[in-house]
Every structure is written in structure tokens, then in C-alpha cells.
Amino acid sequence: MSNTQLWYIVKRPTGTCEIVASREFEGEEKQEIVEKWGPFNSQGVAIARRVGLIRAGKCQPV
């Protein structure tokens, strides 16, 4: 197992999207995730993609 951290964007039933690390993502309850995007190689890339999803209307801002 490599020590490279991967990041995901997950959409919650409330319409908001969160950025979670791969180790957190693997333990998530599947019913709490409406949609997911990723994996991304860095948290910065995931943040930029989340901004794009908000602008596209796919996610609500927090």
C-alpha cells in the first residue's frame, strides 16, 4: 500500500458536497452518499473540482 493520499468529493442527501480522504471514504455508509467524484491526487485538486461542481449547480455551497 502506498502512502499517497487520494481524495474524493461526496454529495450528501442535503445537496452539499464534502471532500474526504480515501481512508474516510472507504468507511462511509453508502446510503449517506448520493453521488461521488474522484479519486483526486491532492486535496487542492479536489477543492478546485468542488468549486466547479458548485458553479455547475451539482452541489450546494456549505
C-alpha atoms as a PDB file:
ATOM      1  CA  MET A   1       0.000   0.000   0.000  1.00  0.00           C
ATOM      2  CA  SER A   2       1.410   3.361  -0.956  1.00  0.00           C
ATOM      3  CA  ASN A   3       1.323   6.367   1.335  1.00  0.00           C
ATOM      4  CA  THR A   4      -0.127   8.604  -1.383  1.00  0.00           C
ATOM      5  CA  GLN A   5      -3.361  10.105  -0.134  1.00  0.00           C
ATOM      6  CA  LEU A   6      -6.310  10.110  -2.522  1.00  0.00           C
ATOM      7  CA  TRP A   7      -9.301  12.426  -2.171  1.00  0.00           C
ATOM      8  CA  TYR A   8     -12.962  12.112  -3.126  1.00  0.00           C
ATOM      9  CA  ILE A   9     -15.865  14.524  -3.361  1.00  0.00           C
ATOM     10  CA  VAL A  10     -19.089  13.047  -1.979  1.00  0.00           C
ATOM     11  CA  LYS A  11     -22.549  14.531  -2.294  1.00  0.00           C
ATOM     12  CA  ARG A  12     -24.768  14.183   0.768  1.00  0.00           C
ATOM     13  CA  PRO A  13     -28.595  13.929   0.763  1.00  0.00           C
ATOM     14  CA  THR A  14     -28.691  17.596   1.836  1.00  0.00           C
ATOM     15  CA  GLY A  15     -27.143  18.576  -1.522  1.00  0.00           C
ATOM     16  CA  THR A  16     -23.818  19.707  -0.065  1.00  0.00           C
ATOM     17  CA  CYS A  17     -20.544  18.152  -1.191  1.00  0.00           C
ATOM     18  CA  GLU A  18     -17.679  17.265   1.117  1.00  0.00           C
ATOM     19  CA  ILE A  19     -14.065  16.423   0.407  1.00  0.00           C
ATOM     20  CA  VAL A  20     -12.991  13.239   2.147  1.00  0.00           C
ATOM     21  CA  ALA A  21      -9.745  11.315   2.259  1.00  0.00           C
ATOM     22  CA  SER A  22      -9.722   7.815   0.771  1.00  0.00           C
ATOM     23  CA  ARG A  23      -9.405   6.174   4.194  1.00  0.00           C
ATOM     24  CA  GLU A  24     -12.528   8.029   5.368  1.00  0.00           C
ATOM     25  CA  PHE A  25     -14.333   7.302   2.098  1.00  0.00           C
ATOM     26  CA  GLU A  26     -13.834   3.551   2.429  1.00  0.00           C
ATOM     27  CA  GLY A  27     -15.595   3.566   5.803  1.00  0.00           C
ATOM     28  CA  GLU A  28     -18.564   5.692   4.677  1.00  0.00           C
ATOM     29  CA  GLU A  29     -22.100   4.390   4.819  1.00  0.00           C
ATOM     30  CA  LYS A  30     -23.221   4.089   1.209  1.00  0.00           C
ATOM     31  CA  GLN A  31     -26.736   5.409   1.946  1.00  0.00           C
ATOM     32  CA  GLU A  32     -25.221   8.741   3.071  1.00  0.00           C
ATOM     33  CA  ILE A  33     -23.625   9.266  -0.358  1.00  0.00           C
ATOM     34  CA  VAL A  34     -25.838  10.420  -3.214  1.00  0.00           C
ATOM     35  CA  GLU A  35     -23.038  10.846  -5.756  1.00  0.00           C
ATOM     36  CA  LYS A  36     -19.232  10.763  -5.748  1.00  0.00           C
ATOM     37  CA  TRP A  37     -16.383  12.113  -7.830  1.00  0.00           C
ATOM     38  CA  GLY A  38     -12.739  11.087  -7.732  1.00  0.00           C
ATOM     39  CA  PRO A  39     -10.243   9.923  -6.756  1.00  0.00           C
ATOM     40  CA  PHE A  40      -8.064  13.012  -6.974  1.00  0.00           C
ATOM     41  CA  ASN A  41      -4.324  13.029  -6.257  1.00  0.00           C
ATOM     42  CA  SER A  42      -4.356  16.074  -3.991  1.00  0.00           C
ATOM     43  CA  GLN A  43      -6.745  17.903  -1.730  1.00  0.00           C
ATOM     44  CA  GLY A  44      -6.157  21.087  -3.733  1.00  0.00           C
ATOM     45  CA  VAL A  45      -7.368  19.447  -6.937  1.00  0.00           C
ATOM     46  CA  ALA A  46     -10.446  18.122  -5.104  1.00  0.00           C
ATOM     47  CA  ILE A  47     -11.197  21.624  -3.768  1.00  0.00           C
ATOM     48  CA  ALA A  48     -10.944  23.108  -7.266  1.00  0.00           C
ATOM     49  CA  ARG A  49     -13.261  20.421  -8.661  1.00  0.00           C
ATOM     50  CA  ARG A  50     -15.760  21.013  -5.831  1.00  0.00           C
ATOM     51  CA  VAL A  51     -15.857  24.720  -6.724  1.00  0.00           C
ATOM     52  CA  GLY A  52     -16.606  23.713 -10.307  1.00  0.00           C
ATOM     53  CA  LEU A  53     -19.409  21.405  -9.159  1.00  0.00           C
ATOM     54  CA  ILE A  54     -20.927  24.230  -7.099  1.00  0.00           C
ATOM     55  CA  ARG A  55     -20.751  26.603 -10.083  1.00  0.00           C
ATOM     56  CA  ALA A  56     -22.339  23.955 -12.318  1.00  0.00           C
ATOM     57  CA  GLY A  57     -25.210  23.576  -9.836  1.00  0.00           C
ATOM     58  CA  LYS A  58     -24.414  19.980  -8.923  1.00  0.00           C
ATOM     59  CA  CYS A  59     -23.562  20.834  -5.292  1.00  0.00           C
ATOM     60  CA  GLN A  60     -24.810  23.381  -2.807  1.00  0.00           C
ATOM     61  CA  PRO A  61     -22.242  25.594  -1.049  1.00  0.00           C
ATOM     62  CA  VAL A  62     -21.747  24.901   2.638  1.00  0.00           C
END
